[in-house]
Amino acid sequence: MKTMGRRICITTNDVELVTGQSYRQSLRLLHEIANSLNKAVKFVTIQEFCNHTGLNIEQVEKTIFG
């Protein structure tokens, strides 16, 4: 049985879409978030992104997932 699940991690392309920033600026923002949480840059969750930026998680998920 195949289940449809949503990602919990946010990508640089997602950050671009949500913020309107360039790819490089989006990557810098993800690095900033990961550094503030003392974790690997590779995995930043949507919740952590929203907590850091102050954006509403429902709006962010709607923008990313449609």
C-alpha atoms as a PDB file:
ATOM      1  CA  MET A   1       0.000   0.000   0.000  1.00  0.00           C
ATOM      2  CA  LYS A   2       1.413   3.358  -1.019  1.00  0.00           C
ATOM      3  CA  THR A   3       0.730   6.326   1.231  1.00  0.00           C
ATOM      4  CA  MET A   4       1.001   9.936   0.209  1.00  0.00           C
ATOM      5  CA  GLY A   5       3.052  11.874   2.708  1.00  0.00           C
ATOM      6  CA  ARG A   6       4.361  15.379   2.789  1.00  0.00           C
ATOM      7  CA  ARG A   7       7.963  16.245   3.382  1.00  0.00           C
ATOM      8  CA  ILE A   8       8.887  17.659   6.757  1.00  0.00           C
ATOM      9  CA  CYS A   9      12.178  19.199   5.601  1.00  0.00           C
ATOM     10  CA  ILE A  10      12.341  22.413   3.630  1.00  0.00           C
ATOM     11  CA  THR A  11      14.630  22.806   0.629  1.00  0.00           C
ATOM     12  CA  THR A  12      16.401  25.822  -0.795  1.00  0.00           C
ATOM     13  CA  ASN A  13      13.941  25.860  -3.684  1.00  0.00           C
ATOM     14  CA  ASP A  14      11.040  25.942  -1.208  1.00  0.00           C
ATOM     15  CA  VAL A  15      12.620  28.899   0.599  1.00  0.00           C
ATOM     16  CA  GLU A  16      12.994  30.670  -2.759  1.00  0.00           C
ATOM     17  CA  LEU A  17       9.315  30.115  -3.485  1.00  0.00           C
ATOM     18  CA  VAL A  18       8.115  31.284  -0.067  1.00  0.00           C
ATOM     19  CA  THR A  19      10.395  34.307   0.380  1.00  0.00           C
ATOM     20  CA  GLY A  20      11.037  35.423  -3.182  1.00  0.00           C
ATOM     21  CA  GLN A  21      14.770  35.500  -2.483  1.00  0.00           C
ATOM     22  CA  SER A  22      17.444  34.218  -4.824  1.00  0.00           C
ATOM     23  CA  TYR A  23      18.781  30.671  -4.547  1.00  0.00           C
ATOM     24  CA  ARG A  24      21.970  31.882  -2.863  1.00  0.00           C
ATOM     25  CA  GLN A  25      20.125  34.054  -0.318  1.00  0.00           C
ATOM     26  CA  SER A  26      17.765  31.161   0.424  1.00  0.00           C
ATOM     27  CA  LEU A  27      20.744  28.885   1.025  1.00  0.00           C
ATOM     28  CA  ARG A  28      22.262  31.460   3.380  1.00  0.00           C
ATOM     29  CA  LEU A  29      18.990  31.630   5.317  1.00  0.00           C
ATOM     30  CA  LEU A  30      18.921  27.839   5.718  1.00  0.00           C
ATOM     31  CA  HIS A  31      22.549  27.921   6.929  1.00  0.00           C
ATOM     32  CA  GLU A  32      21.651  30.665   9.408  1.00  0.00           C
ATOM     33  CA  ILE A  33      18.709  28.639  10.753  1.00  0.00           C
ATOM     34  CA  ALA A  34      20.770  25.444  11.038  1.00  0.00           C
ATOM     35  CA  ASN A  35      23.622  27.259  12.782  1.00  0.00           C
ATOM     36  CA  SER A  36      21.233  28.827  15.294  1.00  0.00           C
ATOM     37  CA  LEU A  37      19.894  25.331  16.073  1.00  0.00           C
ATOM     38  CA  ASN A  38      23.361  23.705  16.118  1.00  0.00           C
ATOM     39  CA  LYS A  39      22.407  21.086  13.552  1.00  0.00           C
ATOM     40  CA  ALA A  40      23.369  19.886  10.085  1.00  0.00           C
ATOM     41  CA  VAL A  41      22.326  22.260   7.322  1.00  0.00           C
ATOM     42  CA  LYS A  42      21.030  19.350   5.281  1.00  0.00           C
ATOM     43  CA  PHE A  43      17.894  18.944   7.403  1.00  0.00           C
ATOM     44  CA  VAL A  44      15.874  21.993   8.461  1.00  0.00           C
ATOM     45  CA  THR A  45      12.197  21.296   9.061  1.00  0.00           C
ATOM     46  CA  ILE A  46       9.361  23.472   7.854  1.00  0.00           C
ATOM     47  CA  GLN A  47       8.418  24.086  11.507  1.00  0.00           C
ATOM     48  CA  GLU A  48      11.957  25.270  12.346  1.00  0.00           C
ATOM     49  CA  PHE A  49      11.923  27.526   9.282  1.00  0.00           C
ATOM     50  CA  CYS A  50       8.602  29.050  10.337  1.00  0.00           C
ATOM     51  CA  ASN A  51       9.735  29.521  13.941  1.00  0.00           C
ATOM     52  CA  HIS A  52      12.870  31.327  12.764  1.00  0.00           C
ATOM     53  CA  THR A  53      11.183  33.561  10.180  1.00  0.00           C
ATOM     54  CA  GLY A  54       7.923  34.153  12.034  1.00  0.00           C
ATOM     55  CA  LEU A  55       5.851  32.961   9.075  1.00  0.00           C
ATOM     56  CA  ASN A  56       2.589  31.048   9.494  1.00  0.00           C
ATOM     57  CA  ILE A  57       3.138  27.322   8.915  1.00  0.00           C
ATOM     58  CA  GLU A  58      -0.238  26.848   7.214  1.00  0.00           C
ATOM     59  CA  GLN A  59       0.537  29.559   4.668  1.00  0.00           C
ATOM     60  CA  VAL A  60       4.020  28.184   4.047  1.00  0.00           C
ATOM     61  CA  GLU A  61       2.726  24.635   3.520  1.00  0.00           C
ATOM     62  CA  LYS A  62      -0.010  25.925   1.207  1.00  0.00           C
ATOM     63  CA  THR A  63       2.606  27.750  -0.871  1.00  0.00           C
ATOM     64  CA  ILE A  64       4.950  24.758  -1.029  1.00  0.00           C
ATOM     65  CA  PHE A  65       2.452  21.934  -1.500  1.00  0.00           C
ATOM     66  CA  GLY A  66      -0.300  23.793  -3.306  1.00  0.00           C
END
